[in-house]
Amino acid sequence: MSDAPAGYAVVFNDEEQYSVWPIDRALPAGWTEEGTVGTKDECLDHIERVWTDMRPRSVRG
């Protein structure tokens, strides 16, 4: 048996900041699944494509 998670999900918070999270763990408060799942690298590649403005939403004006 492996201790590696089954996969990862792309998640984001109210400030529209993105991260990856193991799909076999409950999300921390304040985070929502974005809909993309896959390997960690696939999720990070997706985040790199969609998260073009890294400033928190509250400071974007």
C-alpha atoms as a PDB file:
ATOM      1  CA  MET A   1       0.000   0.000   0.000  1.00  0.00           C
ATOM      2  CA  SER A   2       1.154   3.500  -0.836  1.00  0.00           C
ATOM      3  CA  ASP A   3       0.826   6.552   1.377  1.00  0.00           C
ATOM      4  CA  ALA A   4       0.610   8.774  -1.715  1.00  0.00           C
ATOM      5  CA  PRO A   5      -2.732  10.518  -2.168  1.00  0.00           C
ATOM      6  CA  ALA A   6      -5.013   9.258  -4.937  1.00  0.00           C
ATOM      7  CA  GLY A   7      -4.719  12.603  -6.726  1.00  0.00           C
ATOM      8  CA  TYR A   8      -5.044  16.314  -6.291  1.00  0.00           C
ATOM      9  CA  ALA A   9      -7.688  18.962  -6.809  1.00  0.00           C
ATOM     10  CA  VAL A  10      -7.225  22.612  -7.705  1.00  0.00           C
ATOM     11  CA  VAL A  11      -8.727  24.752  -4.951  1.00  0.00           C
ATOM     12  CA  PHE A  12      -9.200  28.480  -4.421  1.00  0.00           C
ATOM     13  CA  ASN A  13     -10.177  30.806  -1.597  1.00  0.00           C
ATOM     14  CA  ASP A  14     -12.292  33.965  -1.315  1.00  0.00           C
ATOM     15  CA  GLU A  15      -9.299  36.050  -2.387  1.00  0.00           C
ATOM     16  CA  GLU A  16      -9.085  33.940  -5.598  1.00  0.00           C
ATOM     17  CA  GLN A  17      -5.731  32.490  -4.586  1.00  0.00           C
ATOM     18  CA  TYR A  18      -5.129  28.984  -5.957  1.00  0.00           C
ATOM     19  CA  SER A  19      -3.511  25.876  -4.516  1.00  0.00           C
ATOM     20  CA  VAL A  20      -3.521  22.097  -4.866  1.00  0.00           C
ATOM     21  CA  TRP A  21      -5.034  19.797  -2.268  1.00  0.00           C
ATOM     22  CA  PRO A  22      -5.050  15.998  -1.924  1.00  0.00           C
ATOM     23  CA  ILE A  23      -8.476  14.713  -2.960  1.00  0.00           C
ATOM     24  CA  ASP A  24      -8.564  12.214  -0.108  1.00  0.00           C
ATOM     25  CA  ARG A  25      -8.447  14.976   2.533  1.00  0.00           C
ATOM     26  CA  ALA A  26     -11.177  17.357   3.659  1.00  0.00           C
ATOM     27  CA  LEU A  27     -10.734  20.928   2.465  1.00  0.00           C
ATOM     28  CA  PRO A  28      -9.692  23.494   5.053  1.00  0.00           C
ATOM     29  CA  ALA A  29     -12.218  26.200   5.903  1.00  0.00           C
ATOM     30  CA  GLY A  30     -12.404  28.940   3.290  1.00  0.00           C
ATOM     31  CA  TRP A  31     -11.264  26.824   0.323  1.00  0.00           C
ATOM     32  CA  THR A  32     -13.423  25.568  -2.570  1.00  0.00           C
ATOM     33  CA  GLU A  33     -12.713  22.980  -5.261  1.00  0.00           C
ATOM     34  CA  GLU A  34     -12.296  24.616  -8.668  1.00  0.00           C
ATOM     35  CA  GLY A  35     -13.159  21.478 -10.647  1.00  0.00           C
ATOM     36  CA  THR A  36      -9.758  20.380 -11.968  1.00  0.00           C
ATOM     37  CA  VAL A  37      -8.319  17.122 -10.636  1.00  0.00           C
ATOM     38  CA  GLY A  38      -5.252  15.114 -11.610  1.00  0.00           C
ATOM     39  CA  THR A  39      -1.660  14.649 -10.642  1.00  0.00           C
ATOM     40  CA  LYS A  40       0.063  17.366  -8.659  1.00  0.00           C
ATOM     41  CA  ASP A  41       1.956  18.468 -11.788  1.00  0.00           C
ATOM     42  CA  GLU A  42      -1.242  18.580 -13.878  1.00  0.00           C
ATOM     43  CA  CYS A  43      -2.944  20.706 -11.245  1.00  0.00           C
ATOM     44  CA  LEU A  44       0.036  23.046 -10.944  1.00  0.00           C
ATOM     45  CA  ASP A  45       0.148  23.414 -14.749  1.00  0.00           C
ATOM     46  CA  HIS A  46      -3.547  24.339 -14.740  1.00  0.00           C
ATOM     47  CA  ILE A  47      -3.022  26.910 -11.974  1.00  0.00           C
ATOM     48  CA  GLU A  48      -0.144  28.445 -13.940  1.00  0.00           C
ATOM     49  CA  ARG A  49      -2.482  28.911 -16.930  1.00  0.00           C
ATOM     50  CA  VAL A  50      -5.473  30.378 -15.055  1.00  0.00           C
ATOM     51  CA  TRP A  51      -3.960  32.342 -12.166  1.00  0.00           C
ATOM     52  CA  THR A  52      -2.561  35.258 -14.128  1.00  0.00           C
ATOM     53  CA  ASP A  53      -2.956  37.979 -11.489  1.00  0.00           C
ATOM     54  CA  MET A  54      -1.505  36.750  -8.219  1.00  0.00           C
ATOM     55  CA  ARG A  55      -2.658  39.731  -6.171  1.00  0.00           C
ATOM     56  CA  PRO A  56      -5.446  38.925  -3.726  1.00  0.00           C
ATOM     57  CA  ARG A  57      -8.864  39.978  -5.060  1.00  0.00           C
ATOM     58  CA  SER A  58      -9.239  42.555  -2.276  1.00  0.00           C
ATOM     59  CA  VAL A  59      -6.261  44.616  -3.530  1.00  0.00           C
ATOM     60  CA  ARG A  60      -6.937  44.443  -7.272  1.00  0.00           C
ATOM     61  CA  GLY A  61      -9.122  47.529  -7.272  1.00  0.00           C
END
